Structures are given as structure tokens and as C-alpha cells.
N, C-alpha and C. Protein backbone atom coordinates (compact mmCIF):
# COMPACT_ATOMS: atom_id res chain seq x y z
N MET A 1 0.52 -2.14 21.97
CA MET A 1 0.41 -2.74 20.65
C MET A 1 1.64 -3.61 20.39
N THR A 2 1.39 -4.72 19.71
CA THR A 2 2.50 -5.60 19.35
C THR A 2 3.19 -5.06 18.09
N ASP A 3 4.40 -5.58 17.84
CA ASP A 3 5.11 -5.18 16.63
C ASP A 3 4.31 -5.53 15.38
N HIS A 4 3.65 -6.66 15.40
CA HIS A 4 2.85 -7.10 14.25
C HIS A 4 1.73 -6.10 13.97
N GLN A 5 1.05 -5.65 15.00
CA GLN A 5 -0.04 -4.68 14.83
C GLN A 5 0.48 -3.34 14.32
N ILE A 6 1.63 -2.90 14.83
CA ILE A 6 2.22 -1.64 14.39
C ILE A 6 2.62 -1.73 12.92
N ASN A 7 3.24 -2.85 12.52
CA ASN A 7 3.61 -3.04 11.12
C ASN A 7 2.38 -3.04 10.22
N PHE A 8 1.34 -3.73 10.65
CA PHE A 8 0.11 -3.78 9.86
C PHE A 8 -0.51 -2.39 9.72
N LEU A 9 -0.55 -1.64 10.80
CA LEU A 9 -1.08 -0.28 10.77
C LEU A 9 -0.26 0.60 9.81
N GLY A 10 1.05 0.44 9.84
CA GLY A 10 1.91 1.19 8.93
C GLY A 10 1.59 0.89 7.48
N TRP A 11 1.37 -0.38 7.15
CA TRP A 11 1.06 -0.73 5.77
C TRP A 11 -0.33 -0.24 5.37
N ILE A 12 -1.27 -0.22 6.30
CA ILE A 12 -2.59 0.34 6.01
C ILE A 12 -2.46 1.83 5.67
N LEU A 13 -1.63 2.54 6.43
CA LEU A 13 -1.42 3.96 6.15
C LEU A 13 -0.73 4.16 4.80
N PHE A 14 0.21 3.28 4.45
CA PHE A 14 0.84 3.35 3.13
C PHE A 14 -0.20 3.12 2.03
N LEU A 15 -1.12 2.17 2.25
CA LEU A 15 -2.16 1.93 1.25
C LEU A 15 -3.05 3.16 1.08
N ILE A 16 -3.42 3.79 2.18
CA ILE A 16 -4.25 5.00 2.11
C ILE A 16 -3.53 6.09 1.33
N SER A 17 -2.23 6.25 1.60
CA SER A 17 -1.49 7.28 0.86
C SER A 17 -1.36 6.92 -0.61
N ALA A 18 -1.20 5.64 -0.93
CA ALA A 18 -1.11 5.22 -2.33
C ALA A 18 -2.42 5.52 -3.06
N VAL A 19 -3.54 5.27 -2.42
CA VAL A 19 -4.84 5.58 -3.03
C VAL A 19 -4.97 7.09 -3.22
N GLY A 20 -4.50 7.87 -2.24
CA GLY A 20 -4.53 9.33 -2.36
C GLY A 20 -3.67 9.81 -3.53
N PHE A 21 -2.50 9.21 -3.69
CA PHE A 21 -1.64 9.56 -4.82
C PHE A 21 -2.32 9.22 -6.15
N CYS A 22 -3.00 8.07 -6.20
CA CYS A 22 -3.71 7.69 -7.43
C CYS A 22 -4.80 8.70 -7.76
N ILE A 23 -5.55 9.12 -6.77
CA ILE A 23 -6.61 10.10 -7.00
C ILE A 23 -6.02 11.43 -7.46
N ALA A 24 -4.92 11.85 -6.81
CA ALA A 24 -4.31 13.12 -7.15
C ALA A 24 -3.68 13.13 -8.54
N SER A 25 -3.31 11.94 -9.04
CA SER A 25 -2.60 11.89 -10.32
C SER A 25 -3.51 11.60 -11.51
N ILE A 26 -4.82 11.64 -11.31
CA ILE A 26 -5.74 11.39 -12.42
C ILE A 26 -5.47 12.42 -13.52
N GLY A 27 -5.29 11.91 -14.72
CA GLY A 27 -5.04 12.78 -15.86
C GLY A 27 -3.56 12.96 -16.19
N HIS A 28 -2.68 12.43 -15.37
CA HIS A 28 -1.25 12.53 -15.60
C HIS A 28 -0.68 11.11 -15.70
N PHE A 29 -0.35 10.68 -16.92
CA PHE A 29 0.00 9.28 -17.17
C PHE A 29 1.13 8.78 -16.28
N TRP A 30 2.27 9.47 -16.27
CA TRP A 30 3.42 8.96 -15.52
C TRP A 30 3.20 9.00 -14.02
N ALA A 31 2.52 10.01 -13.55
CA ALA A 31 2.20 10.07 -12.13
C ALA A 31 1.26 8.93 -11.74
N MET A 32 0.27 8.66 -12.60
CA MET A 32 -0.66 7.56 -12.34
C MET A 32 0.08 6.22 -12.37
N PHE A 33 0.99 6.07 -13.35
CA PHE A 33 1.78 4.84 -13.44
C PHE A 33 2.56 4.60 -12.15
N GLY A 34 3.23 5.65 -11.67
CA GLY A 34 4.00 5.52 -10.43
C GLY A 34 3.12 5.26 -9.23
N SER A 35 1.99 5.90 -9.18
CA SER A 35 1.06 5.71 -8.05
C SER A 35 0.51 4.30 -8.02
N LEU A 36 0.13 3.79 -9.17
CA LEU A 36 -0.39 2.41 -9.22
C LEU A 36 0.70 1.40 -8.89
N PHE A 37 1.90 1.66 -9.36
CA PHE A 37 3.03 0.79 -9.04
C PHE A 37 3.26 0.76 -7.53
N PHE A 38 3.20 1.93 -6.89
CA PHE A 38 3.36 2.03 -5.44
C PHE A 38 2.24 1.29 -4.71
N LEU A 39 1.01 1.42 -5.20
CA LEU A 39 -0.12 0.73 -4.59
C LEU A 39 0.05 -0.79 -4.68
N VAL A 40 0.44 -1.28 -5.83
CA VAL A 40 0.65 -2.73 -6.00
C VAL A 40 1.78 -3.21 -5.10
N ALA A 41 2.86 -2.43 -5.00
CA ALA A 41 3.98 -2.81 -4.14
C ALA A 41 3.53 -2.90 -2.68
N CYS A 42 2.71 -1.96 -2.23
CA CYS A 42 2.19 -2.02 -0.86
C CYS A 42 1.36 -3.28 -0.64
N LEU A 43 0.53 -3.62 -1.61
CA LEU A 43 -0.29 -4.83 -1.49
C LEU A 43 0.58 -6.08 -1.44
N VAL A 44 1.64 -6.12 -2.23
CA VAL A 44 2.55 -7.28 -2.22
C VAL A 44 3.21 -7.41 -0.85
N PHE A 45 3.64 -6.30 -0.27
CA PHE A 45 4.27 -6.35 1.05
C PHE A 45 3.29 -6.76 2.14
N MET A 46 1.98 -6.64 1.91
CA MET A 46 1.00 -7.04 2.91
C MET A 46 0.62 -8.52 2.84
N ILE A 47 1.05 -9.22 1.82
CA ILE A 47 0.71 -10.64 1.68
C ILE A 47 1.05 -11.45 2.93
N PRO A 48 2.23 -11.28 3.55
CA PRO A 48 2.52 -12.09 4.75
C PRO A 48 1.54 -11.90 5.90
N PHE A 49 0.86 -10.75 5.97
CA PHE A 49 -0.10 -10.53 7.04
C PHE A 49 -1.36 -11.39 6.87
N PHE A 50 -1.63 -11.83 5.66
CA PHE A 50 -2.85 -12.60 5.40
C PHE A 50 -2.60 -14.08 5.17
N ARG A 51 -1.34 -14.49 5.17
CA ARG A 51 -1.02 -15.91 5.06
C ARG A 51 -1.23 -16.58 6.39
N SER A 52 -1.62 -17.84 6.35
CA SER A 52 -1.75 -18.57 7.59
C SER A 52 -0.35 -19.02 8.04
N PRO A 53 -0.08 -18.94 9.33
CA PRO A 53 1.25 -19.36 9.82
C PRO A 53 1.47 -20.84 9.60
N ARG A 54 2.70 -21.19 9.32
CA ARG A 54 3.01 -22.61 9.07
C ARG A 54 3.39 -23.31 10.33
């Protein structure tokens, strides 16, 4: 596997864990806030994987 593929796989696993945290925190405002913030941060870090190379 290339470094790019390993990094992408790592971010996919982070996304899965963020979704799991969101599900686990249903009904708890601050936990849900933190989980959603973590999920959005993971998505932001994945933007370079979907940009076309210049």
C-alpha cells in the first residue's frame, strides 16, 4: 500500500469512529456537540484526498 492509501484508510477509520461517537452520544448535548465537531473536522481533513491535483 502507498502512503496515500494508508492515510486515506486512516481517515476513513476516523470517520467511522466519529459516527460511532455520534450514535453513542444521542441524548447528551455536550457529547453530541463534541462528536459532531470531531466528525466535521475529519471531513475537513479529507478534502485534499478529493481535490484534483494541480
